[in-house]
PDB file of N, CA and C in Angstrom:
ATOM      1  N   VAL A   1      -2.568  -9.202  10.795  1.00  0.00           N
ATOM      2  CA  VAL A   1      -1.904  -8.777  12.021  1.00  0.00           C
ATOM      3  C   VAL A   1      -2.127  -9.859  13.068  1.00  0.00           C
ATOM      4  N   VAL A   2      -1.078 -10.161  13.819  1.00  0.00           N
ATOM      5  CA  VAL A   2      -1.156 -11.229  14.819  1.00  0.00           C
ATOM      6  C   VAL A   2      -0.480 -10.823  16.122  1.00  0.00           C
ATOM      7  N   TRP A   3      -0.934 -11.407  17.233  1.00  0.00           N
ATOM      8  CA  TRP A   3      -0.196 -11.296  18.483  1.00  0.00           C
ATOM      9  C   TRP A   3       0.952 -12.269  18.377  1.00  0.00           C
ATOM     10  N   GLY A   4       2.140 -11.825  18.660  1.00  0.00           N
ATOM     11  CA  GLY A   4       3.285 -12.707  18.554  1.00  0.00           C
ATOM     12  C   GLY A   4       4.435 -12.254  19.418  1.00  0.00           C
ATOM     13  N   ILE A   5       5.527 -12.978  19.299  1.00  0.00           N
ATOM     14  CA  ILE A   5       6.751 -12.665  20.033  1.00  0.00           C
ATOM     15  C   ILE A   5       7.798 -12.217  19.031  1.00  0.00           C
ATOM     16  N   ALA A   6       8.327 -11.031  19.265  1.00  0.00           N
ATOM     17  CA  ALA A   6       9.359 -10.467  18.386  1.00  0.00           C
ATOM     18  C   ALA A   6      10.698 -10.539  19.105  1.00  0.00           C
ATOM     19  N   GLU A   7      11.731 -10.934  18.382  1.00  0.00           N
ATOM     20  CA  GLU A   7      13.088 -10.946  18.922  1.00  0.00           C
ATOM     21  C   GLU A   7      13.873  -9.812  18.268  1.00  0.00           C
ATOM     22  N   VAL A   8      14.529  -9.000  19.070  1.00  0.00           N
ATOM     23  CA  VAL A   8      15.322  -7.887  18.558  1.00  0.00           C
ATOM     24  C   VAL A   8      16.578  -8.452  17.891  1.00  0.00           C
ATOM     25  N   THR A   9      16.765  -8.115  16.613  1.00  0.00           N
ATOM     26  CA  THR A   9      17.956  -8.581  15.879  1.00  0.00           C
ATOM     27  C   THR A   9      18.967  -7.462  15.673  1.00  0.00           C
ATOM     28  N   SER A  10      18.533  -6.206  15.775  1.00  0.00           N
ATOM     29  CA  SER A  10      19.434  -5.053  15.772  1.00  0.00           C
ATOM     30  C   SER A  10      18.677  -3.894  16.395  1.00  0.00           C
ATOM     31  N   SER A  11      19.421  -2.996  17.033  1.00  0.00           N
ATOM     32  CA  SER A  11      18.761  -1.889  17.732  1.00  0.00           C
ATOM     33  C   SER A  11      19.700  -0.706  17.885  1.00  0.00           C
ATOM     34  N   THR A  12      19.132   0.489  17.720  1.00  0.00           N
ATOM     35  CA  THR A  12      19.846   1.722  18.029  1.00  0.00           C
ATOM     36  C   THR A  12      19.234   2.397  19.254  1.00  0.00           C
ATOM     37  N   VAL A  13      18.256   1.735  19.875  1.00  0.00           N
ATOM     38  CA  VAL A  13      17.581   2.270  21.057  1.00  0.00           C
ATOM     39  C   VAL A  13      18.368   1.861  22.298  1.00  0.00           C
ATOM     40  N   GLU A  14      18.732   2.851  23.108  1.00  0.00           N
ATOM     41  CA  GLU A  14      19.478   2.580  24.338  1.00  0.00           C
ATOM     42  C   GLU A  14      18.678   1.649  25.243  1.00  0.00           C
ATOM     43  N   ASN A  15      19.343   0.646  25.811  1.00  0.00           N
ATOM     44  CA  ASN A  15      18.764  -0.352  26.714  1.00  0.00           C
ATOM     45  C   ASN A  15      17.827  -1.346  26.033  1.00  0.00           C
ATOM     46  N   VAL A  16      17.819  -1.380  24.712  1.00  0.00           N
ATOM     47  CA  VAL A  16      17.100  -2.427  23.981  1.00  0.00           C
ATOM     48  C   VAL A  16      18.168  -3.270  23.290  1.00  0.00           C
ATOM     49  N   ASP A  17      18.456  -4.405  23.900  1.00  0.00           N
ATOM     50  CA  ASP A  17      19.563  -5.240  23.454  1.00  0.00           C
ATOM     51  C   ASP A  17      19.124  -6.282  22.436  1.00  0.00           C
ATOM     52  N   VAL A  18      20.043  -6.619  21.545  1.00  0.00           N
ATOM     53  CA  VAL A  18      19.812  -7.710  20.607  1.00  0.00           C
ATOM     54  C   VAL A  18      19.528  -8.977  21.407  1.00  0.00           C
ATOM     55  N   GLY A  19      18.526  -9.722  20.978  1.00  0.00           N
ATOM     56  CA  GLY A  19      18.133 -10.951  21.662  1.00  0.00           C
ATOM     57  C   GLY A  19      16.965 -10.768  22.609  1.00  0.00           C
ATOM     58  N   THR A  20      16.616  -9.515  22.942  1.00  0.00           N
ATOM     59  CA  THR A  20      15.474  -9.249  23.812  1.00  0.00           C
ATOM     60  C   THR A  20      14.193  -9.658  23.089  1.00  0.00           C
ATOM     61  N   HIS A  21      13.239 -10.220  23.839  1.00  0.00           N
ATOM     62  CA  HIS A  21      11.961 -10.633  23.266  1.00  0.00           C
ATOM     63  C   HIS A  21      10.843  -9.722  23.767  1.00  0.00           C
ATOM     64  N   TYR A  22       9.917  -9.406  22.865  1.00  0.00           N
ATOM     65  CA  TYR A  22       8.749  -8.583  23.182  1.00  0.00           C
ATOM     66  C   TYR A  22       7.486  -9.259  22.672  1.00  0.00           C
ATOM     67  N   MET A  23       6.395  -9.160  23.438  1.00  0.00           N
ATOM     68  CA  MET A  23       5.087  -9.604  22.981  1.00  0.00           C
ATOM     69  C   MET A  23       4.401  -8.380  22.378  1.00  0.00           C
ATOM     70  N   ALA A  24       3.838  -8.553  21.190  1.00  0.00           N
ATOM     71  CA  ALA A  24       3.252  -7.396  20.519  1.00  0.00           C
ATOM     72  C   ALA A  24       2.286  -7.821  19.420  1.00  0.00           C
ATOM     73  N   MET A  25       1.512  -6.867  18.951  1.00  0.00           N
ATOM     74  CA  MET A  25       0.680  -7.046  17.768  1.00  0.00           C
ATOM     75  C   MET A  25       1.588  -6.742  16.588  1.00  0.00           C
ATOM     76  N   LEU A  26       1.817  -7.741  15.744  1.00  0.00           N
ATOM     77  CA  LEU A  26       2.810  -7.634  14.676  1.00  0.00           C
ATOM     78  C   LEU A  26       2.189  -7.888  13.310  1.00  0.00           C
ATOM     79  N   PRO A  27       2.732  -7.250  12.288  1.00  0.00           N
ATOM     80  CA  PRO A  27       2.305  -7.598  10.934  1.00  0.00           C
ATOM     81  C   PRO A  27       2.848  -8.986  10.604  1.00  0.00           C
ATOM     82  N   MET A  28       2.139  -9.724   9.766  1.00  0.00           N
ATOM     83  CA  MET A  28       2.618 -11.049   9.390  1.00  0.00           C
ATOM     84  C   MET A  28       3.844 -10.904   8.501  1.00  0.00           C
ATOM     85  N   GLY A  29       4.836 -11.742   8.724  1.00  0.00           N
ATOM     86  CA  GLY A  29       6.044 -11.711   7.915  1.00  0.00           C
ATOM     87  C   GLY A  29       7.226 -12.241   8.689  1.00  0.00           C
ATOM     88  N   GLU A  30       8.351 -12.280   8.033  1.00  0.00           N
ATOM     89  CA  GLU A  30       9.575 -12.788   8.643  1.00  0.00           C
ATOM     90  C   GLU A  30      10.222 -11.772   9.571  1.00  0.00           C
ATOM     91  N   SER A  31      10.083 -10.486   9.248  1.00  0.00           N
ATOM     92  CA  SER A  31      10.714  -9.453  10.073  1.00  0.00           C
ATOM     93  C   SER A  31       9.927  -8.158   9.944  1.00  0.00           C
ATOM     94  N   VAL A  32      10.198  -7.240  10.864  1.00  0.00           N
ATOM     95  CA  VAL A  32       9.572  -5.923  10.839  1.00  0.00           C
ATOM     96  C   VAL A  32      10.611  -4.923  11.336  1.00  0.00           C
ATOM     97  N   SER A  33      10.590  -3.735  10.771  1.00  0.00           N
ATOM     98  CA  SER A  33      11.549  -2.707  11.133  1.00  0.00           C
ATOM     99  C   SER A  33      10.787  -1.409  11.414  1.00  0.00           C
ATOM    100  N   PHE A  34      11.243  -0.656  12.412  1.00  0.00           N
ATOM    101  CA  PHE A  34      10.595   0.601  12.765  1.00  0.00           C
ATOM    102  C   PHE A  34      11.619   1.726  12.689  1.00  0.00           C
ATOM    103  N   ALA A  35      11.244   2.819  12.039  1.00  0.00           N
ATOM    104  CA  ALA A  35      12.148   3.963  11.913  1.00  0.00           C
ATOM    105  C   ALA A  35      12.369   4.640  13.259  1.00  0.00           C
ATOM    106  N   LYS A  36      11.327   4.651  14.097  1.00  0.00           N
ATOM    107  CA  LYS A  36      11.426   5.312  15.402  1.00  0.00           C
ATOM    108  C   LYS A  36      10.867   4.401  16.479  1.00  0.00           C
ATOM    109  N   ALA A  37      11.562   4.335  17.590  1.00  0.00           N
ATOM    110  CA  ALA A  37      11.113   3.581  18.754  1.00  0.00           C
ATOM    111  C   ALA A  37      11.818   4.127  19.983  1.00  0.00           C
ATOM    112  N   HIS A  38      11.184   3.982  21.141  1.00  0.00           N
ATOM    113  CA  HIS A  38      11.799   4.411  22.397  1.00  0.00           C
ATOM    114  C   HIS A  38      11.190   3.617  23.551  1.00  0.00           C
ATOM    115  N   LEU A  39      11.909   3.548  24.648  1.00  0.00           N
ATOM    116  CA  LEU A  39      11.372   2.916  25.843  1.00  0.00           C
ATOM    117  C   LEU A  39      10.452   3.896  26.550  1.00  0.00           C
ATOM    118  N   ASN A  40       9.359   3.380  27.091  1.00  0.00           N
ATOM    119  CA  ASN A  40       8.430   4.194  27.865  1.00  0.00           C
ATOM    120  C   ASN A  40       9.174   4.692  29.099  1.00  0.00           C
ATOM    121  N   PRO A  41       9.270   6.020  29.310  1.00  0.00           N
ATOM    122  CA  PRO A  41      10.036   6.540  30.451  1.00  0.00           C
ATOM    123  C   PRO A  41       9.458   6.137  31.807  1.00  0.00           C
ATOM    124  N   GLU A  42       8.173   5.785  31.856  1.00  0.00           N
ATOM    125  CA  GLU A  42       7.553   5.379  33.120  1.00  0.00           C
ATOM    126  C   GLU A  42       7.671   3.877  33.363  1.00  0.00           C
ATOM    127  N   ASP A  43       7.914   3.114  32.307  1.00  0.00           N
ATOM    128  CA  ASP A  43       8.027   1.659  32.432  1.00  0.00           C
ATOM    129  C   ASP A  43       8.924   1.151  31.312  1.00  0.00           C
ATOM    130  N   GLU A  44      10.193   0.934  31.621  1.00  0.00           N
ATOM    131  CA  GLU A  44      11.160   0.546  30.589  1.00  0.00           C
ATOM    132  C   GLU A  44      10.976  -0.876  30.074  1.00  0.00           C
ATOM    133  N   SER A  45       9.953  -1.580  30.565  1.00  0.00           N
ATOM    134  CA  SER A  45       9.649  -2.894  30.000  1.00  0.00           C
ATOM    135  C   SER A  45       8.740  -2.764  28.775  1.00  0.00           C
ATOM    136  N   ILE A  46       8.359  -1.531  28.452  1.00  0.00           N
ATOM    137  CA  ILE A  46       7.502  -1.280  27.291  1.00  0.00           C
ATOM    138  C   ILE A  46       8.277  -0.500  26.233  1.00  0.00           C
ATOM    139  N   LEU A  47       8.381  -1.087  25.068  1.00  0.00           N
ATOM    140  CA  LEU A  47       9.000  -0.437  23.913  1.00  0.00           C
ATOM    141  C   LEU A  47       7.871   0.163  23.082  1.00  0.00           C
ATOM    142  N   VAL A  48       7.943   1.461  22.837  1.00  0.00           N
ATOM    143  CA  VAL A  48       6.914   2.163  22.061  1.00  0.00           C
ATOM    144  C   VAL A  48       7.458   2.371  20.652  1.00  0.00           C
ATOM    145  N   VAL A  49       6.747   1.846  19.657  1.00  0.00           N
ATOM    146  CA  VAL A  49       7.180   1.989  18.265  1.00  0.00           C
ATOM    147  C   VAL A  49       6.316   3.024  17.568  1.00  0.00           C
ATOM    148  N   ASP A  50       6.848   3.609  16.510  1.00  0.00           N
ATOM    149  CA  ASP A  50       6.155   4.653  15.770  1.00  0.00           C
ATOM    150  C   ASP A  50       5.395   4.038  14.598  1.00  0.00           C
ATOM    151  N   ARG A  51       4.086   3.821  14.797  1.00  0.00           N
ATOM    152  CA  ARG A  51       3.193   3.374  13.728  1.00  0.00           C
ATOM    153  C   ARG A  51       1.955   4.259  13.814  1.00  0.00           C
ATOM    154  N   PRO A  52       2.014   5.488  13.263  1.00  0.00           N
ATOM    155  CA  PRO A  52       0.934   6.457  13.442  1.00  0.00           C
ATOM    156  C   PRO A  52      -0.425   5.987  12.918  1.00  0.00           C
ATOM    157  N   GLU A  53      -0.448   5.062  11.994  1.00  0.00           N
ATOM    158  CA  GLU A  53      -1.709   4.578  11.423  1.00  0.00           C
ATOM    159  C   GLU A  53      -2.337   3.485  12.274  1.00  0.00           C
ATOM    160  N   THR A  54      -1.666   3.105  13.360  1.00  0.00           N
ATOM    161  CA  THR A  54      -2.091   1.964  14.169  1.00  0.00           C
ATOM    162  C   THR A  54      -2.620   2.442  15.514  1.00  0.00           C
ATOM    163  N   PHE A  55      -3.657   1.772  16.020  1.00  0.00           N
ATOM    164  CA  PHE A  55      -4.227   2.064  17.330  1.00  0.00           C
ATOM    165  C   PHE A  55      -3.112   2.050  18.377  1.00  0.00           C
ATOM    166  N   ALA A  56      -3.085   3.026  19.250  1.00  0.00           N
ATOM    167  CA  ALA A  56      -1.988   3.231  20.203  1.00  0.00           C
ATOM    168  C   ALA A  56      -1.660   1.993  21.038  1.00  0.00           C
ATOM    169  N   ALA A  57      -2.652   1.220  21.428  1.00  0.00           N
ATOM    170  CA  ALA A  57      -2.392   0.029  22.249  1.00  0.00           C
ATOM    171  C   ALA A  57      -1.494  -0.962  21.532  1.00  0.00           C
ATOM    172  N   TYR A  58      -1.548  -0.989  20.223  1.00  0.00           N
ATOM    173  CA  TYR A  58      -0.748  -1.940  19.443  1.00  0.00           C
ATOM    174  C   TYR A  58       0.677  -1.444  19.195  1.00  0.00           C
ATOM    175  N   ASN A  59       0.973  -0.221  19.560  1.00  0.00           N
ATOM    176  CA  ASN A  59       2.311   0.337  19.370  1.00  0.00           C
ATOM    177  C   ASN A  59       3.195   0.144  20.595  1.00  0.00           C
ATOM    178  N   ASN A  60       2.681  -0.541  21.601  1.00  0.00           N
ATOM    179  CA  ASN A  60       3.420  -0.812  22.827  1.00  0.00           C
ATOM    180  C   ASN A  60       3.808  -2.284  22.868  1.00  0.00           C
ATOM    181  N   PHE A  61       5.100  -2.543  22.854  1.00  0.00           N
ATOM    182  CA  PHE A  61       5.614  -3.901  22.874  1.00  0.00           C
ATOM    183  C   PHE A  61       6.029  -4.225  24.307  1.00  0.00           C
ATOM    184  N   SER A  62       5.524  -5.306  24.868  1.00  0.00           N
ATOM    185  CA  SER A  62       5.820  -5.687  26.253  1.00  0.00           C
ATOM    186  C   SER A  62       7.019  -6.618  26.309  1.00  0.00           C
ATOM    187  N   LYS A  63       8.028  -6.214  27.042  1.00  0.00           N
ATOM    188  CA  LYS A  63       9.242  -7.029  27.186  1.00  0.00           C
ATOM    189  C   LYS A  63       8.904  -8.317  27.923  1.00  0.00           C
ATOM    190  N   ILE A  64       9.440  -9.408  27.422  1.00  0.00           N
ATOM    191  CA  ILE A  64       9.246 -10.701  28.063  1.00  0.00           C
ATOM    192  C   ILE A  64      10.439 -10.953  28.964  1.00  0.00           C
ATOM    193  N   ASP A  65      10.170 -11.170  30.217  1.00  0.00           N
ATOM    194  CA  ASP A  65      11.223 -11.440  31.188  1.00  0.00           C
ATOM    195  C   ASP A  65      11.994 -12.678  30.740  1.00  0.00           C
ATOM    196  N   PRO A  66      13.322 -12.581  30.603  1.00  0.00           N
ATOM    197  CA  PRO A  66      14.098 -13.726  30.117  1.00  0.00           C
ATOM    198  C   PRO A  66      14.030 -14.949  31.023  1.00  0.00           C
ATOM    199  N   ASP A  67      13.616 -14.775  32.277  1.00  0.00           N
ATOM    200  CA  ASP A  67      13.498 -15.898  33.207  1.00  0.00           C
ATOM    201  C   ASP A  67      12.101 -16.502  33.239  1.00  0.00           C
ATOM    202  N   SER A  68      11.179 -15.928  32.457  1.00  0.00           N
ATOM    203  CA  SER A  68       9.800 -16.418  32.476  1.00  0.00           C
ATOM    204  C   SER A  68       9.657 -17.685  31.639  1.00  0.00           C
ATOM    205  N   THR A  69       8.588 -18.409  31.887  1.00  0.00           N
ATOM    206  CA  THR A  69       8.289 -19.611  31.115  1.00  0.00           C
ATOM    207  C   THR A  69       8.092 -19.262  29.654  1.00  0.00           C
ATOM    208  N   MET A  70       7.476 -18.130  29.384  1.00  0.00           N
ATOM    209  CA  MET A  70       7.218 -17.728  28.001  1.00  0.00           C
ATOM    210  C   MET A  70       8.528 -17.569  27.223  1.00  0.00           C
ATOM    211  N   ALA A  71       9.558 -17.056  27.870  1.00  0.00           N
ATOM    212  CA  ALA A  71      10.840 -16.839  27.198  1.00  0.00           C
ATOM    213  C   ALA A  71      11.639 -18.131  27.043  1.00  0.00           C
ATOM    214  N   SER A  72      11.495 -19.033  27.996  1.00  0.00           N
ATOM    215  CA  SER A  72      12.343 -20.224  27.992  1.00  0.00           C
ATOM    216  C   SER A  72      11.688 -21.445  27.359  1.00  0.00           C
ATOM    217  N   THR A  73      10.410 -21.379  27.067  1.00  0.00           N
ATOM    218  CA  THR A  73       9.706 -22.507  26.481  1.00  0.00           C
ATOM    219  C   THR A  73       9.578 -22.323  24.986  1.00  0.00           C
ATOM    220  N   SER A  74      10.007 -23.284  24.235  1.00  0.00           N
ATOM    221  CA  SER A  74       9.899 -23.167  22.776  1.00  0.00           C
ATOM    222  C   SER A  74       8.525 -23.566  22.277  1.00  0.00           C
ATOM    223  N   GLU A  75       7.662 -24.052  23.149  1.00  0.00           N
ATOM    224  CA  GLU A  75       6.328 -24.523  22.757  1.00  0.00           C
ATOM    225  C   GLU A  75       5.525 -23.454  22.023  1.00  0.00           C
ATOM    226  N   TYR A  76       5.651 -22.188  22.413  1.00  0.00           N
ATOM    227  CA  TYR A  76       4.831 -21.128  21.839  1.00  0.00           C
ATOM    228  C   TYR A  76       5.597 -20.171  20.936  1.00  0.00           C
ATOM    229  N   ARG A  77       6.851 -20.415  20.658  1.00  0.00           N
ATOM    230  CA  ARG A  77       7.674 -19.447  19.942  1.00  0.00           C
ATOM    231  C   ARG A  77       7.312 -19.267  18.480  1.00  0.00           C
ATOM    232  N   ASP A  78       6.762 -20.257  17.833  1.00  0.00           N
ATOM    233  CA  ASP A  78       6.561 -20.176  16.389  1.00  0.00           C
ATOM    234  C   ASP A  78       5.107 -20.032  15.959  1.00  0.00           C
ATOM    235  N   TYR A  79       4.258 -19.559  16.838  1.00  0.00           N
ATOM    236  CA  TYR A  79       2.888 -19.306  16.410  1.00  0.00           C
ATOM    237  C   TYR A  79       2.328 -18.091  17.127  1.00  0.00           C
ATOM    238  N   ALA A  80       1.264 -17.569  16.585  1.00  0.00           N
ATOM    239  CA  ALA A  80       0.599 -16.412  17.181  1.00  0.00           C
ATOM    240  C   ALA A  80      -0.892 -16.519  16.902  1.00  0.00           C
ATOM    241  N   LEU A  81      -1.681 -15.754  17.629  1.00  0.00           N
ATOM    242  CA  LEU A  81      -3.122 -15.739  17.401  1.00  0.00           C
ATOM    243  C   LEU A  81      -3.436 -14.786  16.263  1.00  0.00           C
ATOM    244  N   ALA A  82      -4.048 -15.287  15.218  1.00  0.00           N
ATOM    245  CA  ALA A  82      -4.399 -14.431  14.083  1.00  0.00           C
ATOM    246  C   ALA A  82      -5.627 -13.604  14.431  1.00  0.00           C
ATOM    247  N   CYS A  83      -5.623 -12.347  14.054  1.00  0.00           N
ATOM    248  CA  CYS A  83      -6.739 -11.442  14.342  1.00  0.00           C
ATOM    249  C   CYS A  83      -7.263 -10.871  13.038  1.00  0.00           C
ATOM    250  N   MET A  84      -8.527 -11.058  12.780  1.00  0.00           N
ATOM    251  CA  MET A  84      -9.159 -10.480  11.598  1.00  0.00           C
ATOM    252  C   MET A  84      -9.453  -9.007  11.887  1.00  0.00           C
ATOM    253  N   PRO A  85      -9.595  -8.192  10.854  1.00  0.00           N
ATOM    254  CA  PRO A  85      -9.929  -6.781  11.100  1.00  0.00           C
ATOM    255  C   PRO A  85     -11.182  -6.668  11.960  1.00  0.00           C
ATOM    256  N   GLY A  86     -11.084  -5.891  13.013  1.00  0.00           N
ATOM    257  CA  GLY A  86     -12.223  -5.670  13.900  1.00  0.00           C
ATOM    258  C   GLY A  86     -12.350  -6.694  15.010  1.00  0.00           C
ATOM    259  N   ILE A  87     -11.548  -7.746  14.974  1.00  0.00           N
ATOM    260  CA  ILE A  87     -11.582  -8.767  16.023  1.00  0.00           C
ATOM    261  C   ILE A  87     -10.247  -8.708  16.747  1.00  0.00           C
ATOM    262  N   VAL A  88     -10.305  -8.665  18.062  1.00  0.00           N
ATOM    263  CA  VAL A  88      -9.083  -8.515  18.840  1.00  0.00           C
ATOM    264  C   VAL A  88      -8.965  -9.678  19.810  1.00  0.00           C
ATOM    265  N   SER A  89      -7.768 -10.205  19.970  1.00  0.00           N
ATOM    266  CA  SER A  89      -7.586 -11.240  20.999  1.00  0.00           C
ATOM    267  C   SER A  89      -7.678 -10.529  22.341  1.00  0.00           C
ATOM    268  N   GLY A  90      -8.661 -10.880  23.121  1.00  0.00           N
ATOM    269  CA  GLY A  90      -8.996 -10.158  24.340  1.00  0.00           C
ATOM    270  C   GLY A  90      -7.903 -10.068  25.368  1.00  0.00           C
ATOM    271  N   HIS A  91      -7.162 -11.146  25.607  1.00  0.00           N
ATOM    272  CA  HIS A  91      -6.153 -11.119  26.666  1.00  0.00           C
ATOM    273  C   HIS A  91      -5.081 -10.067  26.400  1.00  0.00           C
ATOM    274  N   GLY A  92      -4.537 -10.049  25.194  1.00  0.00           N
ATOM    275  CA  GLY A  92      -3.475  -9.096  24.879  1.00  0.00           C
ATOM    276  C   GLY A  92      -3.944  -7.657  24.978  1.00  0.00           C
ATOM    277  N   LEU A  93      -5.108  -7.376  24.432  1.00  0.00           N
ATOM    278  CA  LEU A  93      -5.617  -6.006  24.471  1.00  0.00           C
ATOM    279  C   LEU A  93      -5.964  -5.601  25.897  1.00  0.00           C
ATOM    280  N   TYR A  94      -6.614  -6.494  26.658  1.00  0.00           N
ATOM    281  CA  TYR A  94      -6.951  -6.187  28.044  1.00  0.00           C
ATOM    282  C   TYR A  94      -5.686  -5.871  28.842  1.00  0.00           C
ATOM    283  N   PHE A  95      -4.653  -6.712  28.680  1.00  0.00           N
ATOM    284  CA  PHE A  95      -3.389  -6.499  29.383  1.00  0.00           C
ATOM    285  C   PHE A  95      -2.807  -5.135  29.027  1.00  0.00           C
ATOM    286  N   ARG A  96      -2.774  -4.813  27.749  1.00  0.00           N
ATOM    287  CA  ARG A  96      -2.188  -3.550  27.292  1.00  0.00           C
ATOM    288  C   ARG A  96      -3.007  -2.364  27.785  1.00  0.00           C
ATOM    289  N   MET A  97      -4.315  -2.430  27.707  1.00  0.00           N
ATOM    290  CA  MET A  97      -5.156  -1.307  28.093  1.00  0.00           C
ATOM    291  C   MET A  97      -5.092  -1.061  29.605  1.00  0.00           C
ATOM    292  N   MET A  98      -4.893  -2.128  30.393  1.00  0.00           N
ATOM    293  CA  MET A  98      -4.805  -1.969  31.840  1.00  0.00           C
ATOM    294  C   MET A  98      -3.498  -1.294  32.252  1.00  0.00           C
ATOM    295  N   ARG A  99      -2.447  -1.441  31.441  1.00  0.00           N
ATOM    296  CA  ARG A  99      -1.140  -0.880  31.780  1.00  0.00           C
ATOM    297  C   ARG A  99      -0.857   0.445  31.118  1.00  0.00           C
ATOM    298  N   THR A 100      -1.607   0.799  30.077  1.00  0.00           N
ATOM    299  CA  THR A 100      -1.295   1.999  29.307  1.00  0.00           C
ATOM    300  C   THR A 100      -2.562   2.813  29.079  1.00  0.00           C
ATOM    301  N   ASN A 101      -2.489   4.090  29.328  1.00  0.00           N
ATOM    302  CA  ASN A 101      -3.609   4.974  29.067  1.00  0.00           C
ATOM    303  C   ASN A 101      -3.579   5.353  27.594  1.00  0.00           C
ATOM    304  N   CYS A 102      -4.305   4.623  26.763  1.00  0.00           N
ATOM    305  CA  CYS A 102      -4.253   4.813  25.318  1.00  0.00           C
ATOM    306  C   CYS A 102      -5.120   5.958  24.834  1.00  0.00           C
ATOM    307  N   TYR A 103      -6.030   6.408  25.657  1.00  0.00           N
ATOM    308  CA  TYR A 103      -6.961   7.436  25.217  1.00  0.00           C
ATOM    309  C   TYR A 103      -6.664   8.815  25.779  1.00  0.00           C
ATOM    310  N   GLY A 104      -5.753   8.921  26.724  1.00  0.00           N
ATOM    311  CA  GLY A 104      -5.419  10.210  27.316  1.00  0.00           C
ATOM    312  C   GLY A 104      -6.484  10.710  28.291  1.00  0.00           C
ATOM    313  N   ALA A 105      -7.367   9.830  28.736  1.00  0.00           N
ATOM    314  CA  ALA A 105      -8.435  10.234  29.660  1.00  0.00           C
ATOM    315  C   ALA A 105      -8.081   9.790  31.073  1.00  0.00           C
ATOM    316  N   ASP A 106      -8.764  10.368  32.057  1.00  0.00           N
ATOM    317  CA  ASP A 106      -8.552   9.968  33.452  1.00  0.00           C
ATOM    318  C   ASP A 106      -9.251   8.649  33.727  1.00  0.00           C
TER     319      ASP A 106
END
């Protein structure tokens, strides 16, 4: 599993357009498909995918602003940080945990 950038190649989710980029924890491979996904009603920049076996923080894909350096720079498009089981890249997880209540606690 790696932190990477996913590009939407097809979508049945309203307001998730082909070509949109998301930063997410992704399985290694050429492509990934999800049977169920929806936009977070409180923040439509977050796409929530259905992976019940996966820690909730990793099921939230953060939309990359098309005007940002990350979206327009090809320097980082073809690599991701590899994460071994039990080891998490701190920046991505910290960012996700600060924006999403993954535990349902106050």
